[in-house]
């Protein structure tokens, strides 16, 4: 099957924060946990954390972290991942 890694940076990290809600008021935590259970990885850019004064503890436990989201995307592409920007 396909391997999916969601790399987030800038305002894109917001849905992975504890308590984040979708436009209808539903928590993102449930869908994120369900996707992680199916093998999807969610990574947060640590440059974004520094720029926005955010801490790892503010994010869902399912989130992992990468030093630079942009560099991570380039490395994944070299490994054969396709880049799909929502």
N, C-alpha and C. Protein backbone atom coordinates (compact mmCIF):
# COMPACT_ATOMS: atom_id res chain seq x y z
N UNK A 1 0.81 -1.20 0.00
CA UNK A 1 0.00 0.00 0.00
C UNK A 1 0.84 1.25 0.00
N UNK A 2 0.20 2.35 -0.16
CA UNK A 2 0.87 3.65 -0.19
C UNK A 2 1.35 4.03 1.20
N UNK A 3 2.49 4.70 1.25
CA UNK A 3 2.98 5.28 2.51
C UNK A 3 2.73 6.77 2.43
N UNK A 4 2.10 7.32 3.45
CA UNK A 4 1.76 8.75 3.45
C UNK A 4 2.40 9.43 4.66
N UNK A 5 3.12 10.51 4.39
CA UNK A 5 3.68 11.35 5.44
C UNK A 5 3.18 12.77 5.21
N UNK A 6 2.50 13.32 6.21
CA UNK A 6 2.00 14.69 6.13
C UNK A 6 3.00 15.58 6.85
N UNK A 7 3.68 16.44 6.08
CA UNK A 7 4.68 17.35 6.66
C UNK A 7 4.04 18.73 6.76
N UNK A 8 4.02 19.29 7.97
CA UNK A 8 3.33 20.57 8.19
C UNK A 8 4.32 21.65 8.61
N UNK A 9 4.02 22.87 8.17
CA UNK A 9 4.81 24.02 8.62
C UNK A 9 3.92 25.26 8.57
N UNK A 10 4.45 26.36 9.11
CA UNK A 10 3.72 27.63 9.19
C UNK A 10 2.33 27.39 9.82
N UNK A 11 1.28 27.97 9.23
CA UNK A 11 -0.06 27.80 9.82
C UNK A 11 -0.60 26.39 9.61
N UNK A 12 0.07 25.60 8.78
CA UNK A 12 -0.37 24.23 8.54
C UNK A 12 -0.23 23.31 9.73
N UNK A 13 0.49 23.74 10.76
CA UNK A 13 0.66 22.89 11.94
C UNK A 13 -0.55 22.94 12.87
N UNK A 14 -1.41 23.94 12.67
CA UNK A 14 -2.46 24.23 13.65
C UNK A 14 -3.38 23.04 13.94
N UNK A 15 -3.73 22.25 12.92
CA UNK A 15 -4.68 21.16 13.15
C UNK A 15 -4.09 20.04 13.99
N UNK A 16 -2.78 20.02 14.16
CA UNK A 16 -2.14 18.99 14.98
C UNK A 16 -1.96 19.43 16.43
N UNK A 17 -2.45 20.63 16.78
CA UNK A 17 -2.33 21.10 18.15
C UNK A 17 -3.46 20.53 19.02
N UNK A 18 -3.15 20.31 20.29
CA UNK A 18 -4.16 19.83 21.24
C UNK A 18 -5.37 20.76 21.21
N UNK A 19 -6.55 20.18 21.12
CA UNK A 19 -7.78 20.97 21.18
C UNK A 19 -8.18 21.61 19.86
N UNK A 20 -7.41 21.38 18.79
CA UNK A 20 -7.75 21.99 17.50
C UNK A 20 -9.07 21.43 16.98
N UNK A 21 -9.88 22.31 16.40
CA UNK A 21 -11.19 21.90 15.91
C UNK A 21 -11.35 22.26 14.44
N UNK A 22 -12.14 21.44 13.73
CA UNK A 22 -12.43 21.72 12.33
C UNK A 22 -13.49 22.81 12.24
N UNK A 23 -13.80 23.29 11.02
CA UNK A 23 -14.78 24.39 10.89
C UNK A 23 -16.16 24.07 11.48
N UNK A 24 -16.48 22.78 11.62
CA UNK A 24 -17.76 22.40 12.20
C UNK A 24 -17.69 22.18 13.71
N UNK A 25 -16.53 22.45 14.30
CA UNK A 25 -16.39 22.31 15.74
C UNK A 25 -15.97 20.94 16.21
N UNK A 26 -15.68 20.04 15.27
CA UNK A 26 -15.22 18.70 15.65
C UNK A 26 -13.72 18.69 15.90
N UNK A 27 -13.30 17.86 16.85
CA UNK A 27 -11.88 17.75 17.14
C UNK A 27 -11.14 17.07 15.99
N UNK A 28 -9.92 17.56 15.70
CA UNK A 28 -9.07 16.89 14.71
C UNK A 28 -8.40 15.66 15.32
N UNK A 29 -8.35 15.56 16.65
CA UNK A 29 -7.62 14.49 17.31
C UNK A 29 -8.09 13.10 16.87
N UNK A 30 -9.40 12.91 16.78
CA UNK A 30 -9.93 11.61 16.40
C UNK A 30 -9.52 11.17 15.01
N UNK A 31 -9.78 12.00 13.98
CA UNK A 31 -9.36 11.63 12.63
C UNK A 31 -7.85 11.44 12.50
N UNK A 32 -7.06 12.27 13.19
CA UNK A 32 -5.60 12.12 13.13
C UNK A 32 -5.20 10.78 13.72
N UNK A 33 -5.74 10.44 14.89
CA UNK A 33 -5.42 9.16 15.52
C UNK A 33 -5.81 7.99 14.63
N UNK A 34 -6.97 8.09 13.97
CA UNK A 34 -7.43 7.01 13.08
C UNK A 34 -6.48 6.85 11.89
N UNK A 35 -6.01 7.96 11.34
CA UNK A 35 -5.08 7.89 10.21
C UNK A 35 -3.72 7.34 10.65
N UNK A 36 -3.24 7.74 11.82
CA UNK A 36 -1.98 7.21 12.34
C UNK A 36 -2.09 5.70 12.53
N UNK A 37 -3.24 5.24 13.01
CA UNK A 37 -3.46 3.80 13.19
C UNK A 37 -3.38 3.05 11.86
N UNK A 38 -3.64 3.76 10.77
CA UNK A 38 -3.58 3.15 9.43
C UNK A 38 -2.22 3.37 8.77
N UNK A 39 -1.27 3.97 9.51
CA UNK A 39 0.09 4.10 9.01
C UNK A 39 0.48 5.47 8.49
N UNK A 40 -0.42 6.45 8.58
CA UNK A 40 -0.08 7.80 8.12
C UNK A 40 0.78 8.48 9.19
N UNK A 41 1.83 9.18 8.74
CA UNK A 41 2.69 9.91 9.68
C UNK A 41 2.43 11.40 9.55
N UNK A 42 2.42 12.09 10.68
CA UNK A 42 2.23 13.53 10.72
C UNK A 42 3.47 14.16 11.35
N UNK A 43 4.11 15.07 10.62
CA UNK A 43 5.34 15.68 11.11
C UNK A 43 5.19 17.21 11.16
N UNK A 44 5.70 17.79 12.24
CA UNK A 44 5.62 19.23 12.46
C UNK A 44 7.03 19.82 12.32
N UNK A 45 7.13 20.91 11.59
CA UNK A 45 8.39 21.62 11.37
C UNK A 45 8.84 22.33 12.65
N UNK A 46 10.07 22.03 13.11
CA UNK A 46 10.56 22.66 14.32
C UNK A 46 10.94 24.13 14.11
N UNK A 47 11.23 24.53 12.87
CA UNK A 47 11.47 25.95 12.60
C UNK A 47 10.19 26.74 12.87
N UNK A 48 9.05 26.14 12.49
CA UNK A 48 7.75 26.77 12.77
C UNK A 48 7.54 26.91 14.28
N UNK A 49 7.91 25.86 15.02
CA UNK A 49 7.76 25.94 16.49
C UNK A 49 8.52 27.15 17.02
N UNK A 50 9.77 27.30 16.58
CA UNK A 50 10.59 28.41 17.06
C UNK A 50 10.00 29.76 16.63
N UNK A 51 9.62 29.85 15.35
CA UNK A 51 9.10 31.12 14.83
C UNK A 51 7.80 31.54 15.50
N UNK A 52 7.00 30.57 15.90
CA UNK A 52 5.69 30.88 16.50
C UNK A 52 5.67 30.70 18.02
N UNK A 53 6.83 30.45 18.61
CA UNK A 53 6.95 30.26 20.07
C UNK A 53 6.00 29.16 20.56
N UNK A 54 5.97 28.06 19.82
CA UNK A 54 5.16 26.90 20.21
C UNK A 54 6.05 25.84 20.83
N UNK A 55 5.43 24.96 21.63
CA UNK A 55 6.17 23.88 22.28
C UNK A 55 5.63 22.52 21.83
N UNK A 56 6.49 21.53 21.83
CA UNK A 56 6.07 20.17 21.43
C UNK A 56 4.88 19.69 22.26
N UNK A 57 4.86 20.08 23.53
CA UNK A 57 3.80 19.62 24.44
C UNK A 57 2.42 20.12 24.02
N UNK A 58 2.35 21.12 23.14
CA UNK A 58 1.07 21.67 22.71
C UNK A 58 0.44 20.84 21.58
N UNK A 59 1.15 19.82 21.12
CA UNK A 59 0.68 19.04 19.98
C UNK A 59 0.16 17.67 20.39
N UNK A 60 -0.68 17.11 19.53
CA UNK A 60 -1.21 15.77 19.75
C UNK A 60 -0.06 14.78 19.90
N UNK A 61 -0.26 13.75 20.71
CA UNK A 61 0.81 12.78 20.93
C UNK A 61 1.16 12.02 19.64
N UNK A 62 0.24 12.01 18.68
CA UNK A 62 0.50 11.31 17.42
C UNK A 62 1.47 12.07 16.51
N UNK A 63 1.66 13.37 16.78
CA UNK A 63 2.53 14.18 15.93
C UNK A 63 3.99 13.87 16.25
N UNK A 64 4.81 13.83 15.18
CA UNK A 64 6.25 13.77 15.37
C UNK A 64 6.82 15.08 14.83
N UNK A 65 8.11 15.25 14.96
CA UNK A 65 8.72 16.54 14.64
C UNK A 65 9.90 16.34 13.70
N UNK A 66 10.11 17.34 12.85
CA UNK A 66 11.23 17.32 11.91
C UNK A 66 11.91 18.68 11.97
N UNK A 67 13.25 18.72 11.89
CA UNK A 67 13.95 19.99 12.05
C UNK A 67 13.49 21.08 11.07
N UNK A 68 13.27 20.70 9.80
CA UNK A 68 12.81 21.65 8.78
C UNK A 68 11.81 20.97 7.87
N UNK A 69 10.60 21.50 7.82
CA UNK A 69 9.57 20.91 6.97
C UNK A 69 9.96 20.91 5.50
N UNK A 70 10.56 22.02 5.04
CA UNK A 70 10.93 22.14 3.63
C UNK A 70 12.02 21.13 3.27
N UNK A 71 13.03 21.01 4.12
CA UNK A 71 14.10 20.04 3.88
C UNK A 71 13.55 18.61 3.92
N UNK A 72 12.66 18.35 4.85
CA UNK A 72 12.06 17.01 4.98
C UNK A 72 11.30 16.64 3.70
N UNK A 73 10.54 17.58 3.15
CA UNK A 73 9.80 17.32 1.92
C UNK A 73 10.77 16.98 0.78
N UNK A 74 11.86 17.74 0.68
CA UNK A 74 12.84 17.47 -0.38
C UNK A 74 13.45 16.09 -0.21
N UNK A 75 13.76 15.70 1.02
CA UNK A 75 14.35 14.37 1.27
C UNK A 75 13.36 13.26 0.92
N UNK A 76 12.09 13.44 1.29
CA UNK A 76 11.08 12.44 0.96
C UNK A 76 10.94 12.30 -0.55
N UNK A 77 10.99 13.42 -1.28
CA UNK A 77 10.89 13.36 -2.74
C UNK A 77 12.06 12.56 -3.32
N UNK A 78 13.25 12.74 -2.77
CA UNK A 78 14.41 11.99 -3.24
C UNK A 78 14.25 10.50 -2.98
N UNK A 79 13.47 10.15 -1.93
CA UNK A 79 13.21 8.75 -1.61
C UNK A 79 12.08 8.17 -2.48
N UNK A 80 11.53 8.99 -3.37
CA UNK A 80 10.49 8.50 -4.27
C UNK A 80 9.08 8.91 -3.89
N UNK A 81 8.93 9.70 -2.83
CA UNK A 81 7.59 10.18 -2.47
C UNK A 81 7.14 11.22 -3.49
N UNK A 82 5.86 11.23 -3.79
CA UNK A 82 5.27 12.29 -4.62
C UNK A 82 4.88 13.44 -3.70
N UNK A 83 5.01 14.67 -4.21
CA UNK A 83 4.65 15.85 -3.41
C UNK A 83 3.26 16.30 -3.81
N UNK A 84 2.33 16.25 -2.87
CA UNK A 84 0.96 16.70 -3.12
C UNK A 84 0.66 17.80 -2.11
N UNK A 85 0.41 19.01 -2.61
CA UNK A 85 0.10 20.13 -1.72
C UNK A 85 -1.40 20.35 -1.75
N UNK A 86 -2.05 20.32 -0.56
CA UNK A 86 -3.51 20.49 -0.54
C UNK A 86 -3.93 21.89 -0.98
